[in-house]
Amino acid sequence: MINKKLTIQEKKVAIANLKSWKIVKGRNAISKTFEFKNFNQAFSWMTAMALHAERMDHHPEWFNVYNKVIVTLSTHDVGGISKLDIKLAKLMDKKY
């Protein structure tokens, strides 16, 4: 399967079916902030997601401070949001 950037319409439909993911202003990317009880839960979730991302060969941009993890997804190889980003976003939501 060749991964490609989603069209504007495909992007609208895909993002509408995600939980609280938003388009990043000035970028062809989506982002969401996940909030946990504490650092241990946040870091444990990040570790689990890192293993999934590695299997997908699709790695998130993320930032962690204590109990918050800010995730940004974009497929650099195609220059924007792809099906891989949507798939990883759905997985992150499911495992949250």
PDB file of N, CA and C in Angstrom:
ATOM      1  N   MET A   1       0.834  -1.193   0.000  1.00  0.00           N
ATOM      2  CA  MET A   1       0.000   0.000   0.000  1.00  0.00           C
ATOM      3  C   MET A   1       0.873   1.249   0.000  1.00  0.00           C
ATOM      4  N   ILE A   2       0.604   2.130  -0.917  1.00  0.00           N
ATOM      5  CA  ILE A   2       1.321   3.396  -0.973  1.00  0.00           C
ATOM      6  C   ILE A   2       0.538   4.406  -0.133  1.00  0.00           C
ATOM      7  N   ASN A   3       1.242   5.019   0.799  1.00  0.00           N
ATOM      8  CA  ASN A   3       0.617   6.020   1.657  1.00  0.00           C
ATOM      9  C   ASN A   3       0.624   7.360   0.927  1.00  0.00           C
ATOM     10  N   LYS A   4      -0.508   8.072   0.974  1.00  0.00           N
ATOM     11  CA  LYS A   4      -0.577   9.377   0.323  1.00  0.00           C
ATOM     12  C   LYS A   4      -1.302  10.369   1.219  1.00  0.00           C
ATOM     13  N   LYS A   5      -1.063  11.625   0.937  1.00  0.00           N
ATOM     14  CA  LYS A   5      -1.719  12.696   1.688  1.00  0.00           C
ATOM     15  C   LYS A   5      -3.215  12.657   1.419  1.00  0.00           C
ATOM     16  N   LEU A   6      -4.007  12.816   2.468  1.00  0.00           N
ATOM     17  CA  LEU A   6      -5.463  12.839   2.307  1.00  0.00           C
ATOM     18  C   LEU A   6      -5.893  14.117   1.599  1.00  0.00           C
ATOM     19  N   THR A   7      -6.953  14.009   0.802  1.00  0.00           N
ATOM     20  CA  THR A   7      -7.532  15.191   0.166  1.00  0.00           C
ATOM     21  C   THR A   7      -8.246  16.016   1.240  1.00  0.00           C
ATOM     22  N   ILE A   8      -8.637  17.214   0.920  1.00  0.00           N
ATOM     23  CA  ILE A   8      -9.353  18.069   1.867  1.00  0.00           C
ATOM     24  C   ILE A   8     -10.624  17.376   2.346  1.00  0.00           C
ATOM     25  N   GLN A   9     -11.361  16.776   1.430  1.00  0.00           N
ATOM     26  CA  GLN A   9     -12.605  16.089   1.797  1.00  0.00           C
ATOM     27  C   GLN A   9     -12.332  14.864   2.660  1.00  0.00           C
ATOM     28  N   GLU A  10     -11.350  14.072   2.293  1.00  0.00           N
ATOM     29  CA  GLU A  10     -10.992  12.890   3.092  1.00  0.00           C
ATOM     30  C   GLU A  10     -10.576  13.303   4.508  1.00  0.00           C
ATOM     31  N   LYS A  11      -9.833  14.389   4.592  1.00  0.00           N
ATOM     32  CA  LYS A  11      -9.386  14.910   5.887  1.00  0.00           C
ATOM     33  C   LYS A  11     -10.572  15.321   6.753  1.00  0.00           C
ATOM     34  N   LYS A  12     -11.518  16.056   6.168  1.00  0.00           N
ATOM     35  CA  LYS A  12     -12.700  16.504   6.916  1.00  0.00           C
ATOM     36  C   LYS A  12     -13.468  15.321   7.493  1.00  0.00           C
ATOM     37  N   VAL A  13     -13.697  14.305   6.661  1.00  0.00           N
ATOM     38  CA  VAL A  13     -14.439  13.122   7.097  1.00  0.00           C
ATOM     39  C   VAL A  13     -13.669  12.384   8.192  1.00  0.00           C
ATOM     40  N   ALA A  14     -12.377  12.180   7.973  1.00  0.00           N
ATOM     41  CA  ALA A  14     -11.565  11.436   8.940  1.00  0.00           C
ATOM     42  C   ALA A  14     -11.505  12.145  10.291  1.00  0.00           C
ATOM     43  N   ILE A  15     -11.279  13.447  10.289  1.00  0.00           N
ATOM     44  CA  ILE A  15     -11.158  14.197  11.538  1.00  0.00           C
ATOM     45  C   ILE A  15     -12.496  14.279  12.257  1.00  0.00           C
ATOM     46  N   ALA A  16     -13.580  14.344  11.511  1.00  0.00           N
ATOM     47  CA  ALA A  16     -14.916  14.375  12.125  1.00  0.00           C
ATOM     48  C   ALA A  16     -15.196  13.093  12.903  1.00  0.00           C
ATOM     49  N   ASN A  17     -14.529  11.999  12.524  1.00  0.00           N
ATOM     50  CA  ASN A  17     -14.730  10.720  13.194  1.00  0.00           C
ATOM     51  C   ASN A  17     -13.720  10.457  14.311  1.00  0.00           C
ATOM     52  N   LEU A  18     -12.891  11.434  14.627  1.00  0.00           N
ATOM     53  CA  LEU A  18     -11.931  11.308  15.723  1.00  0.00           C
ATOM     54  C   LEU A  18     -12.455  12.036  16.957  1.00  0.00           C
ATOM     55  N   LYS A  19     -11.946  11.652  18.116  1.00  0.00           N
ATOM     56  CA  LYS A  19     -12.360  12.262  19.384  1.00  0.00           C
ATOM     57  C   LYS A  19     -11.446  13.425  19.753  1.00  0.00           C
ATOM     58  N   SER A  20     -11.893  14.646  19.515  1.00  0.00           N
ATOM     59  CA  SER A  20     -11.205  15.865  19.971  1.00  0.00           C
ATOM     60  C   SER A  20      -9.868  16.169  19.295  1.00  0.00           C
ATOM     61  N   TRP A  21      -9.580  15.561  18.181  1.00  0.00           N
ATOM     62  CA  TRP A  21      -8.373  15.911  17.442  1.00  0.00           C
ATOM     63  C   TRP A  21      -8.662  17.173  16.641  1.00  0.00           C
ATOM     64  N   LYS A  22      -7.676  18.060  16.555  1.00  0.00           N
ATOM     65  CA  LYS A  22      -7.831  19.338  15.858  1.00  0.00           C
ATOM     66  C   LYS A  22      -6.737  19.513  14.813  1.00  0.00           C
ATOM     67  N   ILE A  23      -7.056  20.271  13.779  1.00  0.00           N
ATOM     68  CA  ILE A  23      -6.055  20.648  12.778  1.00  0.00           C
ATOM     69  C   ILE A  23      -5.088  21.640  13.433  1.00  0.00           C
ATOM     70  N   VAL A  24      -3.807  21.455  13.186  1.00  0.00           N
ATOM     71  CA  VAL A  24      -2.788  22.372  13.713  1.00  0.00           C
ATOM     72  C   VAL A  24      -2.729  23.585  12.793  1.00  0.00           C
ATOM     73  N   LYS A  25      -2.904  24.752  13.374  1.00  0.00           N
ATOM     74  CA  LYS A  25      -2.890  25.991  12.588  1.00  0.00           C
ATOM     75  C   LYS A  25      -1.522  26.173  11.915  1.00  0.00           C
ATOM     76  N   GLY A  26      -1.562  26.417  10.608  1.00  0.00           N
ATOM     77  CA  GLY A  26      -0.337  26.657   9.860  1.00  0.00           C
ATOM     78  C   GLY A  26       0.415  25.408   9.443  1.00  0.00           C
ATOM     79  N   ARG A  27      -0.167  24.234   9.719  1.00  0.00           N
ATOM     80  CA  ARG A  27       0.471  22.959   9.355  1.00  0.00           C
ATOM     81  C   ARG A  27      -0.568  21.991   8.834  1.00  0.00           C
ATOM     82  N   ASN A  28      -0.146  21.034   8.061  1.00  0.00           N
ATOM     83  CA  ASN A  28      -1.025  19.960   7.615  1.00  0.00           C
ATOM     84  C   ASN A  28      -0.816  18.811   8.597  1.00  0.00           C
ATOM     85  N   ALA A  29      -1.361  18.995   9.813  1.00  0.00           N
ATOM     86  CA  ALA A  29      -1.182  18.037  10.906  1.00  0.00           C
ATOM     87  C   ALA A  29      -2.391  18.108  11.828  1.00  0.00           C
ATOM     88  N   ILE A  30      -2.546  17.061  12.644  1.00  0.00           N
ATOM     89  CA  ILE A  30      -3.593  17.046  13.663  1.00  0.00           C
ATOM     90  C   ILE A  30      -2.928  16.908  15.029  1.00  0.00           C
ATOM     91  N   SER A  31      -3.639  17.393  16.060  1.00  0.00           N
ATOM     92  CA  SER A  31      -3.071  17.376  17.400  1.00  0.00           C
ATOM     93  C   SER A  31      -4.155  17.143  18.442  1.00  0.00           C
ATOM     94  N   LYS A  32      -3.722  16.574  19.557  1.00  0.00           N
ATOM     95  CA  LYS A  32      -4.626  16.354  20.687  1.00  0.00           C
ATOM     96  C   LYS A  32      -3.800  16.324  21.961  1.00  0.00           C
ATOM     97  N   THR A  33      -4.398  16.831  23.041  1.00  0.00           N
ATOM     98  CA  THR A  33      -3.777  16.758  24.363  1.00  0.00           C
ATOM     99  C   THR A  33      -4.474  15.668  25.166  1.00  0.00           C
ATOM    100  N   PHE A  34      -3.692  14.731  25.665  1.00  0.00           N
ATOM    101  CA  PHE A  34      -4.192  13.663  26.526  1.00  0.00           C
ATOM    102  C   PHE A  34      -3.787  14.000  27.956  1.00  0.00           C
ATOM    103  N   GLU A  35      -4.724  13.884  28.882  1.00  0.00           N
ATOM    104  CA  GLU A  35      -4.442  14.201  30.280  1.00  0.00           C
ATOM    105  C   GLU A  35      -4.685  12.969  31.143  1.00  0.00           C
ATOM    106  N   PHE A  36      -3.721  12.671  31.988  1.00  0.00           N
ATOM    107  CA  PHE A  36      -3.745  11.489  32.836  1.00  0.00           C
ATOM    108  C   PHE A  36      -3.749  11.891  34.314  1.00  0.00           C
ATOM    109  N   LYS A  37      -3.907  10.907  35.199  1.00  0.00           N
ATOM    110  CA  LYS A  37      -3.903  11.184  36.642  1.00  0.00           C
ATOM    111  C   LYS A  37      -2.552  11.697  37.117  1.00  0.00           C
ATOM    112  N   ASN A  38      -1.480  11.137  36.559  1.00  0.00           N
ATOM    113  CA  ASN A  38      -0.148  11.486  37.040  1.00  0.00           C
ATOM    114  C   ASN A  38       0.890  11.172  35.956  1.00  0.00           C
ATOM    115  N   PHE A  39       2.139  11.442  36.284  1.00  0.00           N
ATOM    116  CA  PHE A  39       3.234  11.225  35.333  1.00  0.00           C
ATOM    117  C   PHE A  39       3.377   9.751  34.977  1.00  0.00           C
ATOM    118  N   ASN A  40       3.258   8.874  35.955  1.00  0.00           N
ATOM    119  CA  ASN A  40       3.414   7.445  35.711  1.00  0.00           C
ATOM    120  C   ASN A  40       2.417   6.947  34.655  1.00  0.00           C
ATOM    121  N   GLN A  41       1.161   7.350  34.770  1.00  0.00           N
ATOM    122  CA  GLN A  41       0.162   6.936  33.783  1.00  0.00           C
ATOM    123  C   GLN A  41       0.466   7.530  32.408  1.00  0.00           C
ATOM    124  N   ALA A  42       0.860   8.794  32.379  1.00  0.00           N
ATOM    125  CA  ALA A  42       1.176   9.446  31.102  1.00  0.00           C
ATOM    126  C   ALA A  42       2.343   8.749  30.423  1.00  0.00           C
ATOM    127  N   PHE A  43       3.395   8.487  31.181  1.00  0.00           N
ATOM    128  CA  PHE A  43       4.585   7.878  30.596  1.00  0.00           C
ATOM    129  C   PHE A  43       4.336   6.422  30.199  1.00  0.00           C
ATOM    130  N   SER A  44       3.547   5.708  30.971  1.00  0.00           N
ATOM    131  CA  SER A  44       3.199   4.325  30.626  1.00  0.00           C
ATOM    132  C   SER A  44       2.434   4.279  29.309  1.00  0.00           C
ATOM    133  N   TRP A  45       1.495   5.218  29.149  1.00  0.00           N
ATOM    134  CA  TRP A  45       0.721   5.296  27.902  1.00  0.00           C
ATOM    135  C   TRP A  45       1.645   5.618  26.729  1.00  0.00           C
ATOM    136  N   MET A  46       2.553   6.575  26.931  1.00  0.00           N
ATOM    137  CA  MET A  46       3.494   6.936  25.870  1.00  0.00           C
ATOM    138  C   MET A  46       4.350   5.729  25.469  1.00  0.00           C
ATOM    139  N   THR A  47       4.782   4.963  26.448  1.00  0.00           N
ATOM    140  CA  THR A  47       5.600   3.784  26.161  1.00  0.00           C
ATOM    141  C   THR A  47       4.821   2.775  25.327  1.00  0.00           C
ATOM    142  N   ALA A  48       3.585   2.514  25.721  1.00  0.00           N
ATOM    143  CA  ALA A  48       2.743   1.585  24.961  1.00  0.00           C
ATOM    144  C   ALA A  48       2.515   2.105  23.540  1.00  0.00           C
ATOM    145  N   MET A  49       2.254   3.400  23.401  1.00  0.00           N
ATOM    146  CA  MET A  49       2.013   3.973  22.074  1.00  0.00           C
ATOM    147  C   MET A  49       3.278   3.953  21.221  1.00  0.00           C
ATOM    148  N   ALA A  50       4.435   4.129  21.856  1.00  0.00           N
ATOM    149  CA  ALA A  50       5.697   4.084  21.121  1.00  0.00           C
ATOM    150  C   ALA A  50       5.908   2.709  20.490  1.00  0.00           C
ATOM    151  N   LEU A  51       5.545   1.661  21.213  1.00  0.00           N
ATOM    152  CA  LEU A  51       5.679   0.303  20.668  1.00  0.00           C
ATOM    153  C   LEU A  51       4.744   0.086  19.477  1.00  0.00           C
ATOM    154  N   HIS A  52       3.514   0.585  19.588  1.00  0.00           N
ATOM    155  CA  HIS A  52       2.567   0.491  18.461  1.00  0.00           C
ATOM    156  C   HIS A  52       3.083   1.303  17.268  1.00  0.00           C
ATOM    157  N   ALA A  53       3.558   2.515  17.531  1.00  0.00           N
ATOM    158  CA  ALA A  53       4.048   3.384  16.460  1.00  0.00           C
ATOM    159  C   ALA A  53       5.240   2.744  15.743  1.00  0.00           C
ATOM    160  N   GLU A  54       6.106   2.113  16.501  1.00  0.00           N
ATOM    161  CA  GLU A  54       7.266   1.461  15.897  1.00  0.00           C
ATOM    162  C   GLU A  54       6.823   0.324  14.977  1.00  0.00           C
ATOM    163  N   ARG A  55       5.842  -0.463  15.406  1.00  0.00           N
ATOM    164  CA  ARG A  55       5.328  -1.542  14.555  1.00  0.00           C
ATOM    165  C   ARG A  55       4.703  -0.988  13.272  1.00  0.00           C
ATOM    166  N   MET A  56       4.089   0.198  13.383  1.00  0.00           N
ATOM    167  CA  MET A  56       3.472   0.834  12.208  1.00  0.00           C
ATOM    168  C   MET A  56       4.513   1.563  11.345  1.00  0.00           C
ATOM    169  N   ASP A  57       5.720   1.733  11.891  1.00  0.00           N
ATOM    170  CA  ASP A  57       6.761   2.560  11.272  1.00  0.00           C
ATOM    171  C   ASP A  57       6.229   3.967  11.009  1.00  0.00           C
ATOM    172  N   HIS A  58       5.527   4.477  12.016  1.00  0.00           N
ATOM    173  CA  HIS A  58       4.931   5.810  11.923  1.00  0.00           C
ATOM    174  C   HIS A  58       5.006   6.461  13.300  1.00  0.00           C
ATOM    175  N   HIS A  59       5.865   7.445  13.443  1.00  0.00           N
ATOM    176  CA  HIS A  59       6.216   7.957  14.766  1.00  0.00           C
ATOM    177  C   HIS A  59       5.630   9.345  15.016  1.00  0.00           C
ATOM    178  N   PRO A  60       5.005   9.514  16.180  1.00  0.00           N
ATOM    179  CA  PRO A  60       4.378  10.795  16.502  1.00  0.00           C
ATOM    180  C   PRO A  60       5.387  11.841  16.955  1.00  0.00           C
ATOM    181  N   GLU A  61       4.982  13.079  16.823  1.00  0.00           N
ATOM    182  CA  GLU A  61       5.667  14.172  17.518  1.00  0.00           C
ATOM    183  C   GLU A  61       4.903  14.298  18.822  1.00  0.00           C
ATOM    184  N   TRP A  62       5.600  14.331  19.938  1.00  0.00           N
ATOM    185  CA  TRP A  62       4.873  14.495  21.191  1.00  0.00           C
ATOM    186  C   TRP A  62       5.695  15.220  22.223  1.00  0.00           C
ATOM    187  N   PHE A  63       4.983  15.765  23.190  1.00  0.00           N
ATOM    188  CA  PHE A  63       5.574  16.579  24.243  1.00  0.00           C
ATOM    189  C   PHE A  63       4.880  16.198  25.538  1.00  0.00           C
ATOM    190  N   ASN A  64       5.657  15.925  26.559  1.00  0.00           N
ATOM    191  CA  ASN A  64       5.098  15.495  27.841  1.00  0.00           C
ATOM    192  C   ASN A  64       5.572  16.395  28.964  1.00  0.00           C
ATOM    193  N   VAL A  65       4.620  16.852  29.759  1.00  0.00           N
ATOM    194  CA  VAL A  65       4.904  17.530  31.017  1.00  0.00           C
ATOM    195  C   VAL A  65       3.974  16.934  32.056  1.00  0.00           C
ATOM    196  N   TYR A  66       4.555  16.330  33.064  1.00  0.00           N
ATOM    197  CA  TYR A  66       3.875  15.658  34.158  1.00  0.00           C
ATOM    198  C   TYR A  66       2.759  14.746  33.657  1.00  0.00           C
ATOM    199  N   ASN A  67       1.494  15.175  33.762  1.00  0.00           N
ATOM    200  CA  ASN A  67       0.376  14.288  33.422  1.00  0.00           C
ATOM    201  C   ASN A  67      -0.231  14.569  32.045  1.00  0.00           C
ATOM    202  N   LYS A  68       0.375  15.446  31.268  1.00  0.00           N
ATOM    203  CA  LYS A  68      -0.164  15.795  29.953  1.00  0.00           C
ATOM    204  C   LYS A  68       0.778  15.341  28.850  1.00  0.00           C
ATOM    205  N   VAL A  69       0.174  14.821  27.780  1.00  0.00           N
ATOM    206  CA  VAL A  69       0.918  14.436  26.587  1.00  0.00           C
ATOM    207  C   VAL A  69       0.239  15.112  25.398  1.00  0.00           C
ATOM    208  N   ILE A  70       0.979  15.971  24.721  1.00  0.00           N
ATOM    209  CA  ILE A  70       0.471  16.640  23.526  1.00  0.00           C
ATOM    210  C   ILE A  70       1.033  15.887  22.322  1.00  0.00           C
ATOM    211  N   VAL A  71       0.140  15.368  21.490  1.00  0.00           N
ATOM    212  CA  VAL A  71       0.531  14.570  20.331  1.00  0.00           C
ATOM    213  C   VAL A  71       0.207  15.341  19.057  1.00  0.00           C
ATOM    214  N   THR A  72       1.145  15.362  18.130  1.00  0.00           N
ATOM    215  CA  THR A  72       0.928  15.931  16.807  1.00  0.00           C
ATOM    216  C   THR A  72       1.263  14.859  15.786  1.00  0.00           C
ATOM    217  N   LEU A  73       0.352  14.668  14.841  1.00  0.00           N
ATOM    218  CA  LEU A  73       0.545  13.648  13.812  1.00  0.00           C
ATOM    219  C   LEU A  73       0.520  14.272  12.422  1.00  0.00           C
ATOM    220  N   SER A  74       1.511  13.913  11.636  1.00  0.00           N
ATOM    221  CA  SER A  74       1.612  14.312  10.238  1.00  0.00           C
ATOM    222  C   SER A  74       2.578  13.342   9.591  1.00  0.00           C
ATOM    223  N   THR A  75       2.340  12.995   8.355  1.00  0.00           N
ATOM    224  CA  THR A  75       3.220  12.074   7.652  1.00  0.00           C
ATOM    225  C   THR A  75       4.210  12.895   6.841  1.00  0.00           C
ATOM    226  N   HIS A  76       5.420  12.980   7.316  1.00  0.00           N
ATOM    227  CA  HIS A  76       6.432  13.829   6.684  1.00  0.00           C
ATOM    228  C   HIS A  76       6.743  13.390   5.254  1.00  0.00           C
ATOM    229  N   ASP A  77       6.717  12.068   5.012  1.00  0.00           N
ATOM    230  CA  ASP A  77       7.021  11.551   3.668  1.00  0.00           C
ATOM    231  C   ASP A  77       6.052  12.049   2.595  1.00  0.00           C
ATOM    232  N   VAL A  78       4.794  12.333   2.997  1.00  0.00           N
ATOM    233  CA  VAL A  78       3.803  12.778   2.010  1.00  0.00           C
ATOM    234  C   VAL A  78       3.455  14.259   2.172  1.00  0.00           C
ATOM    235  N   GLY A  79       4.019  14.902   3.184  1.00  0.00           N
ATOM    236  CA  GLY A  79       3.801  16.330   3.376  1.00  0.00           C
ATOM    237  C   GLY A  79       2.444  16.697   3.956  1.00  0.00           C
ATOM    238  N   GLY A  80       1.886  15.821   4.779  1.00  0.00           N
ATOM    239  CA  GLY A  80       0.607  16.155   5.399  1.00  0.00           C
ATOM    240  C   GLY A  80      -0.041  14.962   6.075  1.00  0.00           C
ATOM    241  N   ILE A  81      -1.324  15.091   6.316  1.00  0.00           N
ATOM    242  CA  ILE A  81      -2.092  14.067   7.017  1.00  0.00           C
ATOM    243  C   ILE A  81      -2.394  12.912   6.062  1.00  0.00           C
ATOM    244  N   SER A  82      -2.113  11.700   6.545  1.00  0.00           N
ATOM    245  CA  SER A  82      -2.363  10.497   5.747  1.00  0.00           C
ATOM    246  C   SER A  82      -3.221   9.518   6.549  1.00  0.00           C
ATOM    247  N   LYS A  83      -3.555   8.409   5.911  1.00  0.00           N
ATOM    248  CA  LYS A  83      -4.323   7.358   6.593  1.00  0.00           C
ATOM    249  C   LYS A  83      -3.568   6.821   7.803  1.00  0.00           C
ATOM    250  N   LEU A  84      -2.237   6.814   7.741  1.00  0.00           N
ATOM    251  CA  LEU A  84      -1.450   6.366   8.897  1.00  0.00           C
ATOM    252  C   LEU A  84      -1.691   7.250  10.117  1.00  0.00           C
ATOM    253  N   ASP A  85      -1.804   8.552   9.904  1.00  0.00           N
ATOM    254  CA  ASP A  85      -2.067   9.475  11.020  1.00  0.00           C
ATOM    255  C   ASP A  85      -3.423   9.193  11.637  1.00  0.00           C
ATOM    256  N   ILE A  86      -4.407   8.965  10.802  1.00  0.00           N
ATOM    257  CA  ILE A  86      -5.766   8.694  11.290  1.00  0.00           C
ATOM    258  C   ILE A  86      -5.783   7.361  12.041  1.00  0.00           C
ATOM    259  N   LYS A  87      -5.107   6.369  11.501  1.00  0.00           N
ATOM    260  CA  LYS A  87      -5.040   5.056  12.146  1.00  0.00           C
ATOM    261  C   LYS A  87      -4.373   5.160  13.520  1.00  0.00           C
ATOM    262  N   LEU A  88      -3.268   5.890  13.606  1.00  0.00           N
ATOM    263  CA  LEU A  88      -2.568   6.047  14.884  1.00  0.00           C
ATOM    264  C   LEU A  88      -3.401   6.871  15.861  1.00  0.00           C
ATOM    265  N   ALA A  89      -4.078   7.902  15.387  1.00  0.00           N
ATOM    266  CA  ALA A  89      -4.953   8.711  16.249  1.00  0.00           C
ATOM    267  C   ALA A  89      -6.063   7.849  16.855  1.00  0.00           C
ATOM    268  N   LYS A  90      -6.678   7.007  16.024  1.00  0.00           N
ATOM    269  CA  LYS A  90      -7.749   6.127  16.523  1.00  0.00           C
ATOM    270  C   LYS A  90      -7.209   5.145  17.552  1.00  0.00           C
ATOM    271  N   LEU A  91      -6.034   4.609  17.314  1.00  0.00           N
ATOM    272  CA  LEU A  91      -5.424   3.689  18.264  1.00  0.00           C
ATOM    273  C   LEU A  91      -5.131   4.399  19.587  1.00  0.00           C
ATOM    274  N   MET A  92      -4.597   5.607  19.515  1.00  0.00           N
ATOM    275  CA  MET A  92      -4.301   6.376  20.728  1.00  0.00           C
ATOM    276  C   MET A  92      -5.582   6.647  21.518  1.00  0.00           C
ATOM    277  N   ASP A  93      -6.639   7.004  20.825  1.00  0.00           N
ATOM    278  CA  ASP A  93      -7.919   7.232  21.498  1.00  0.00           C
ATOM    279  C   ASP A  93      -8.424   5.955  22.167  1.00  0.00           C
ATOM    280  N   LYS A  94      -8.306   4.845  21.465  1.00  0.00           N
ATOM    281  CA  LYS A  94      -8.792   3.559  21.986  1.00  0.00           C
ATOM    282  C   LYS A  94      -8.013   3.144  23.241  1.00  0.00           C
ATOM    283  N   LYS A  95      -6.708   3.393  23.252  1.00  0.00           N
ATOM    284  CA  LYS A  95      -5.850   2.965  24.371  1.00  0.00           C
ATOM    285  C   LYS A  95      -5.801   3.996  25.494  1.00  0.00           C
ATOM    286  N   TYR A  96      -6.440   5.141  25.320  1.00  0.00           N
ATOM    287  CA  TYR A  96      -6.428   6.211  26.334  1.00  0.00           C
ATOM    288  C   TYR A  96      -7.321   5.875  27.484  1.00  0.00           C
TER     289      TYR A  96
END
